[in-house]
N, C-alpha and C. Protein backbone atom coordinates (compact mmCIF):
# COMPACT_ATOMS: atom_id res chain seq x y z
N MET A 1 4.68 46.73 -27.42
CA MET A 1 3.57 45.81 -27.13
C MET A 1 2.27 46.64 -27.04
N SER A 2 1.25 46.29 -27.78
CA SER A 2 0.01 47.02 -27.83
C SER A 2 -0.88 46.80 -26.63
N GLY A 3 -0.71 45.69 -25.93
CA GLY A 3 -1.53 45.41 -24.76
C GLY A 3 -2.79 44.64 -25.19
N ASP A 4 -2.98 44.39 -26.51
CA ASP A 4 -4.15 43.67 -26.94
C ASP A 4 -4.00 42.19 -26.56
N ILE A 5 -5.08 41.54 -26.29
CA ILE A 5 -5.12 40.13 -25.96
C ILE A 5 -5.40 39.34 -27.24
N PRO A 6 -4.50 38.52 -27.68
CA PRO A 6 -4.77 37.69 -28.87
C PRO A 6 -5.93 36.73 -28.57
N LEU A 7 -6.92 36.73 -29.40
CA LEU A 7 -8.13 35.89 -29.20
C LEU A 7 -7.86 34.53 -29.86
N GLU A 8 -7.67 33.57 -29.02
CA GLU A 8 -7.42 32.21 -29.47
C GLU A 8 -8.18 31.28 -28.56
N SER A 9 -9.29 30.75 -29.03
CA SER A 9 -10.10 29.87 -28.22
C SER A 9 -9.54 28.45 -28.21
N ILE A 10 -9.05 28.08 -27.03
CA ILE A 10 -8.51 26.74 -26.88
C ILE A 10 -9.39 26.00 -25.87
N GLU A 11 -10.12 25.02 -26.31
CA GLU A 11 -10.97 24.24 -25.44
C GLU A 11 -10.20 23.16 -24.73
N THR A 12 -10.44 23.02 -23.45
CA THR A 12 -9.83 21.93 -22.71
C THR A 12 -10.65 20.67 -22.94
N PRO A 13 -10.10 19.49 -22.63
CA PRO A 13 -10.85 18.24 -22.89
C PRO A 13 -12.25 18.25 -22.29
N ASP A 14 -12.50 18.84 -21.15
CA ASP A 14 -13.84 18.80 -20.60
C ASP A 14 -14.69 19.95 -21.00
N GLY A 15 -14.22 20.74 -22.00
CA GLY A 15 -15.04 21.81 -22.54
C GLY A 15 -14.96 23.11 -21.80
N VAL A 16 -14.16 23.23 -20.75
CA VAL A 16 -14.05 24.42 -20.01
C VAL A 16 -12.97 25.33 -20.62
N SER A 17 -13.37 26.55 -20.99
CA SER A 17 -12.47 27.50 -21.56
C SER A 17 -12.81 28.89 -21.09
N CYS A 18 -11.88 29.73 -21.00
CA CYS A 18 -12.16 31.12 -20.64
C CYS A 18 -13.08 31.77 -21.67
N PHE A 19 -13.06 31.25 -22.90
CA PHE A 19 -13.87 31.85 -23.95
C PHE A 19 -15.30 31.37 -23.94
N ASN A 20 -15.69 30.39 -23.10
CA ASN A 20 -17.07 29.99 -23.00
C ASN A 20 -17.54 30.20 -21.55
N CYS A 21 -16.82 31.01 -20.81
CA CYS A 21 -17.14 31.24 -19.41
C CYS A 21 -17.88 32.60 -19.34
N GLU A 22 -18.36 32.90 -18.20
CA GLU A 22 -18.93 34.19 -17.94
C GLU A 22 -18.10 34.95 -16.91
N ALA A 23 -16.79 34.73 -17.01
CA ALA A 23 -15.79 35.39 -16.17
C ALA A 23 -16.11 35.24 -14.68
N CYS A 24 -16.49 34.02 -14.28
CA CYS A 24 -16.81 33.71 -12.88
C CYS A 24 -15.69 34.17 -11.97
N CYS A 25 -14.43 33.87 -12.33
CA CYS A 25 -13.29 34.25 -11.46
C CYS A 25 -13.16 35.74 -11.29
N CYS A 26 -13.72 36.50 -12.22
CA CYS A 26 -13.68 37.95 -12.17
C CYS A 26 -14.65 38.55 -11.16
N ARG A 27 -15.32 37.71 -10.42
CA ARG A 27 -16.20 38.16 -9.33
C ARG A 27 -15.63 37.84 -7.99
N LEU A 28 -14.41 37.24 -7.95
CA LEU A 28 -13.75 36.95 -6.68
C LEU A 28 -13.00 38.16 -6.18
N LEU A 29 -12.85 38.28 -4.89
CA LEU A 29 -12.04 39.35 -4.29
C LEU A 29 -10.57 39.03 -4.57
N VAL A 30 -9.86 40.00 -5.17
CA VAL A 30 -8.44 39.81 -5.49
C VAL A 30 -7.57 40.66 -4.62
N MET A 31 -6.83 40.03 -3.78
CA MET A 31 -5.85 40.75 -2.91
C MET A 31 -4.61 41.07 -3.77
N LEU A 32 -4.07 42.23 -3.53
CA LEU A 32 -2.85 42.70 -4.28
C LEU A 32 -1.71 42.73 -3.31
N ASP A 33 -0.52 42.46 -3.87
CA ASP A 33 0.71 42.58 -3.07
C ASP A 33 1.60 43.60 -3.74
N ASP A 34 2.79 43.80 -3.16
CA ASP A 34 3.72 44.79 -3.69
C ASP A 34 4.12 44.45 -5.11
N ASP A 35 4.28 43.17 -5.44
CA ASP A 35 4.68 42.82 -6.82
C ASP A 35 3.58 43.19 -7.80
N ASP A 36 2.33 43.03 -7.43
CA ASP A 36 1.21 43.40 -8.31
C ASP A 36 1.24 44.91 -8.55
N LEU A 37 1.43 45.63 -7.52
CA LEU A 37 1.47 47.11 -7.65
C LEU A 37 2.67 47.54 -8.53
N ALA A 38 3.81 46.91 -8.35
CA ALA A 38 4.98 47.21 -9.15
C ALA A 38 4.77 46.81 -10.62
N ARG A 39 3.95 45.80 -10.86
CA ARG A 39 3.61 45.34 -12.23
C ARG A 39 2.81 46.44 -12.96
N GLY A 40 2.23 47.32 -12.22
CA GLY A 40 1.51 48.43 -12.84
C GLY A 40 0.03 48.33 -12.86
N VAL A 41 -0.57 47.67 -11.88
CA VAL A 41 -2.04 47.64 -11.77
C VAL A 41 -2.47 49.15 -11.63
N PRO A 42 -3.33 49.65 -12.50
CA PRO A 42 -3.69 51.07 -12.45
C PRO A 42 -4.31 51.46 -11.14
N HIS A 43 -3.88 52.62 -10.61
CA HIS A 43 -4.35 53.10 -9.31
C HIS A 43 -5.90 53.17 -9.25
N GLY A 44 -6.50 53.56 -10.34
CA GLY A 44 -7.96 53.69 -10.36
C GLY A 44 -8.67 52.38 -10.22
N LEU A 45 -7.99 51.24 -10.32
CA LEU A 45 -8.60 49.95 -10.16
C LEU A 45 -8.29 49.33 -8.81
N ILE A 46 -7.67 50.09 -7.95
CA ILE A 46 -7.27 49.56 -6.64
C ILE A 46 -8.21 50.13 -5.56
N ASP A 47 -8.50 49.32 -4.58
CA ASP A 47 -9.40 49.69 -3.48
C ASP A 47 -8.79 49.16 -2.18
N GLU A 48 -9.41 49.48 -1.08
CA GLU A 48 -9.05 48.94 0.20
C GLU A 48 -10.23 48.17 0.75
N ASP A 49 -9.98 46.90 1.25
CA ASP A 49 -11.08 46.16 1.83
C ASP A 49 -11.35 46.60 3.25
N GLU A 50 -12.32 46.01 3.87
CA GLU A 50 -12.75 46.38 5.21
C GLU A 50 -11.72 46.19 6.29
N TRP A 51 -10.67 45.40 5.98
CA TRP A 51 -9.60 45.10 6.95
C TRP A 51 -8.35 45.93 6.62
N GLY A 52 -8.41 46.77 5.62
CA GLY A 52 -7.28 47.64 5.26
C GLY A 52 -6.36 47.00 4.23
N GLY A 53 -6.73 45.83 3.68
CA GLY A 53 -5.93 45.21 2.61
C GLY A 53 -6.12 45.89 1.29
N VAL A 54 -5.10 45.80 0.42
CA VAL A 54 -5.18 46.36 -0.92
C VAL A 54 -5.78 45.32 -1.85
N VAL A 55 -6.84 45.68 -2.55
CA VAL A 55 -7.52 44.75 -3.41
C VAL A 55 -7.93 45.39 -4.72
N MET A 56 -8.23 44.56 -5.70
CA MET A 56 -8.82 45.10 -6.94
C MET A 56 -10.17 45.69 -6.65
N ARG A 57 -10.47 46.82 -7.21
CA ARG A 57 -11.76 47.44 -7.02
C ARG A 57 -12.85 46.59 -7.77
N GLN A 58 -14.04 46.50 -7.18
CA GLN A 58 -15.15 45.80 -7.78
C GLN A 58 -16.28 46.80 -8.04
N ASP A 59 -17.02 46.58 -9.08
CA ASP A 59 -18.19 47.49 -9.33
C ASP A 59 -19.35 47.11 -8.44
N GLU A 60 -20.44 47.81 -8.59
CA GLU A 60 -21.60 47.62 -7.69
C GLU A 60 -22.21 46.24 -7.84
N GLU A 61 -21.94 45.51 -8.92
CA GLU A 61 -22.46 44.18 -9.12
C GLU A 61 -21.44 43.10 -8.70
N GLY A 62 -20.29 43.53 -8.17
CA GLY A 62 -19.30 42.57 -7.71
C GLY A 62 -18.24 42.17 -8.77
N TRP A 63 -18.31 42.72 -9.95
CA TRP A 63 -17.32 42.39 -11.02
C TRP A 63 -16.03 43.18 -10.75
N CYS A 64 -14.91 42.52 -11.06
CA CYS A 64 -13.61 43.25 -11.08
C CYS A 64 -13.73 44.40 -11.99
N ALA A 65 -13.24 45.57 -11.55
CA ALA A 65 -13.31 46.79 -12.34
C ALA A 65 -12.45 46.70 -13.58
N ALA A 66 -11.55 45.74 -13.66
CA ALA A 66 -10.68 45.63 -14.84
C ALA A 66 -11.37 44.88 -15.98
N VAL A 67 -12.47 44.22 -15.73
CA VAL A 67 -13.16 43.40 -16.74
C VAL A 67 -13.93 44.37 -17.71
N ASP A 68 -13.65 44.24 -18.99
CA ASP A 68 -14.39 45.00 -19.99
C ASP A 68 -15.74 44.23 -20.16
N ARG A 69 -16.82 44.81 -19.71
CA ARG A 69 -18.11 44.10 -19.72
C ARG A 69 -18.64 43.84 -21.12
N ASN A 70 -18.12 44.53 -22.12
CA ASN A 70 -18.57 44.29 -23.49
C ASN A 70 -17.93 43.02 -24.08
N THR A 71 -16.67 42.79 -23.74
CA THR A 71 -15.93 41.65 -24.28
C THR A 71 -15.76 40.54 -23.24
N MET A 72 -15.97 40.89 -21.96
CA MET A 72 -15.70 39.97 -20.83
C MET A 72 -14.24 39.56 -20.78
N LEU A 73 -13.35 40.41 -21.25
CA LEU A 73 -11.91 40.14 -21.16
C LEU A 73 -11.30 41.14 -20.20
N CYS A 74 -10.16 40.80 -19.65
CA CYS A 74 -9.46 41.66 -18.76
C CYS A 74 -8.82 42.83 -19.53
N SER A 75 -9.09 44.04 -19.06
CA SER A 75 -8.58 45.21 -19.75
C SER A 75 -7.14 45.49 -19.38
N ILE A 76 -6.61 44.81 -18.35
CA ILE A 76 -5.20 45.03 -17.95
C ILE A 76 -4.43 43.68 -18.01
N HIS A 77 -4.82 42.83 -18.89
CA HIS A 77 -4.30 41.45 -18.94
C HIS A 77 -2.77 41.38 -18.81
N PRO A 78 -1.97 42.14 -19.54
CA PRO A 78 -0.52 42.03 -19.36
C PRO A 78 -0.01 42.48 -17.97
N ARG A 79 -0.84 43.27 -17.25
CA ARG A 79 -0.46 43.76 -15.90
C ARG A 79 -1.31 43.17 -14.83
N ARG A 80 -2.07 42.12 -15.10
CA ARG A 80 -2.97 41.52 -14.12
C ARG A 80 -2.24 41.00 -12.94
N PRO A 81 -2.93 40.98 -11.77
CA PRO A 81 -2.30 40.47 -10.53
C PRO A 81 -1.87 39.01 -10.68
N GLN A 82 -0.93 38.64 -9.83
CA GLN A 82 -0.39 37.25 -9.85
C GLN A 82 -1.49 36.24 -9.53
N VAL A 83 -2.39 36.50 -8.62
CA VAL A 83 -3.45 35.54 -8.29
C VAL A 83 -4.26 35.26 -9.54
N CYS A 84 -4.48 36.22 -10.37
CA CYS A 84 -5.27 36.05 -11.65
C CYS A 84 -4.44 35.19 -12.60
N ARG A 85 -3.13 35.38 -12.62
CA ARG A 85 -2.25 34.54 -13.45
C ARG A 85 -2.24 33.10 -12.98
N ASP A 86 -2.35 32.90 -11.67
CA ASP A 86 -2.30 31.56 -11.10
C ASP A 86 -3.61 30.80 -11.13
N PHE A 87 -4.71 31.46 -11.35
CA PHE A 87 -6.02 30.83 -11.39
C PHE A 87 -6.17 30.18 -12.77
N GLU A 88 -5.83 28.92 -12.83
CA GLU A 88 -5.68 28.22 -14.10
C GLU A 88 -7.05 27.87 -14.74
N GLU A 89 -7.13 28.04 -16.01
CA GLU A 89 -8.31 27.67 -16.79
C GLU A 89 -8.53 26.16 -16.64
N ALA A 90 -9.73 25.77 -16.29
CA ALA A 90 -10.20 24.38 -16.13
C ALA A 90 -9.63 23.68 -14.89
N SER A 91 -8.99 24.41 -14.03
CA SER A 91 -8.52 23.84 -12.80
C SER A 91 -9.68 23.49 -11.89
N PHE A 92 -9.44 22.76 -10.83
CA PHE A 92 -10.50 22.44 -9.87
C PHE A 92 -11.18 23.71 -9.40
N GLU A 93 -10.35 24.72 -9.01
CA GLU A 93 -10.94 26.00 -8.51
C GLU A 93 -11.77 26.67 -9.55
N CYS A 94 -11.30 26.67 -10.82
CA CYS A 94 -12.07 27.28 -11.90
C CYS A 94 -13.41 26.56 -12.06
N ARG A 95 -13.38 25.23 -12.11
CA ARG A 95 -14.65 24.47 -12.29
C ARG A 95 -15.57 24.66 -11.06
N GLU A 96 -14.99 24.79 -9.89
CA GLU A 96 -15.75 25.03 -8.68
C GLU A 96 -16.50 26.36 -8.75
N GLU A 97 -15.82 27.38 -9.21
CA GLU A 97 -16.50 28.69 -9.34
C GLU A 97 -17.57 28.61 -10.47
N ARG A 98 -17.28 27.96 -11.58
CA ARG A 98 -18.25 27.84 -12.65
C ARG A 98 -19.45 27.04 -12.20
N ALA A 99 -19.29 26.06 -11.29
CA ALA A 99 -20.41 25.26 -10.80
C ALA A 99 -21.33 26.16 -9.96
N LEU A 100 -20.79 27.11 -9.23
CA LEU A 100 -21.63 28.03 -8.41
C LEU A 100 -22.61 28.77 -9.30
N TYR A 101 -22.22 29.05 -10.56
CA TYR A 101 -23.07 29.73 -11.46
C TYR A 101 -23.83 28.83 -12.42
N GLY A 102 -23.75 27.50 -12.18
CA GLY A 102 -24.49 26.56 -12.99
C GLY A 102 -23.93 26.30 -14.37
N LEU A 103 -22.64 26.64 -14.59
CA LEU A 103 -22.05 26.49 -15.92
C LEU A 103 -21.43 25.09 -16.16
N VAL A 104 -21.11 24.38 -15.07
CA VAL A 104 -20.58 23.03 -15.15
C VAL A 104 -21.09 22.27 -13.94
N ASP A 105 -20.94 20.94 -13.99
CA ASP A 105 -21.28 20.12 -12.81
C ASP A 105 -20.23 20.35 -11.76
N GLU A 106 -20.62 20.15 -10.51
CA GLU A 106 -19.63 20.27 -9.38
C GLU A 106 -18.48 19.35 -9.61
N PRO A 107 -17.26 19.86 -9.53
CA PRO A 107 -16.10 18.99 -9.73
C PRO A 107 -15.96 18.00 -8.58
N ALA A 108 -15.44 16.79 -8.91
CA ALA A 108 -15.22 15.78 -7.92
C ALA A 108 -13.99 16.12 -7.06
N LEU A 109 -14.03 15.71 -5.79
CA LEU A 109 -12.88 15.98 -4.91
C LEU A 109 -11.61 15.36 -5.46
N ALA A 110 -11.73 14.25 -6.16
CA ALA A 110 -10.56 13.61 -6.77
C ALA A 110 -9.86 14.57 -7.73
N ASP A 111 -10.62 15.47 -8.35
CA ASP A 111 -10.02 16.44 -9.24
C ASP A 111 -9.13 17.43 -8.51
N ALA A 112 -9.38 17.61 -7.25
CA ALA A 112 -8.57 18.54 -6.42
C ALA A 112 -7.36 17.84 -5.77
N GLY A 113 -7.20 16.57 -6.07
CA GLY A 113 -6.16 15.80 -5.43
C GLY A 113 -6.54 15.22 -4.10
N VAL A 114 -7.84 15.25 -3.78
CA VAL A 114 -8.32 14.68 -2.53
C VAL A 114 -8.99 13.36 -2.83
N LEU A 115 -8.57 12.31 -2.21
CA LEU A 115 -9.15 11.00 -2.45
C LEU A 115 -9.98 10.51 -1.27
């Protein structure tokens, strides 16, 4: 396996796609667990937060250190942490983060399963 990410732009019905995003989720603090470390997250991308937790390192602008800023793609995609795998494209949480950056309208609470 080469580790390359196949580029296939798949738009969701509401137009939200990782390929038209500005990697909003890649500015969130990512906690790591033993499974993430066993998956092979590179040691140089790991940091410790102020409470002693193991997290993905962030650069001075708050971006995850694994993001290739030229392509805005994850440089460790096959070995990315589980929380990154679980953060689904176009989910309520995804659209909520995008709304903070003005990329989409604020999602309705009904979208989160709250009525």
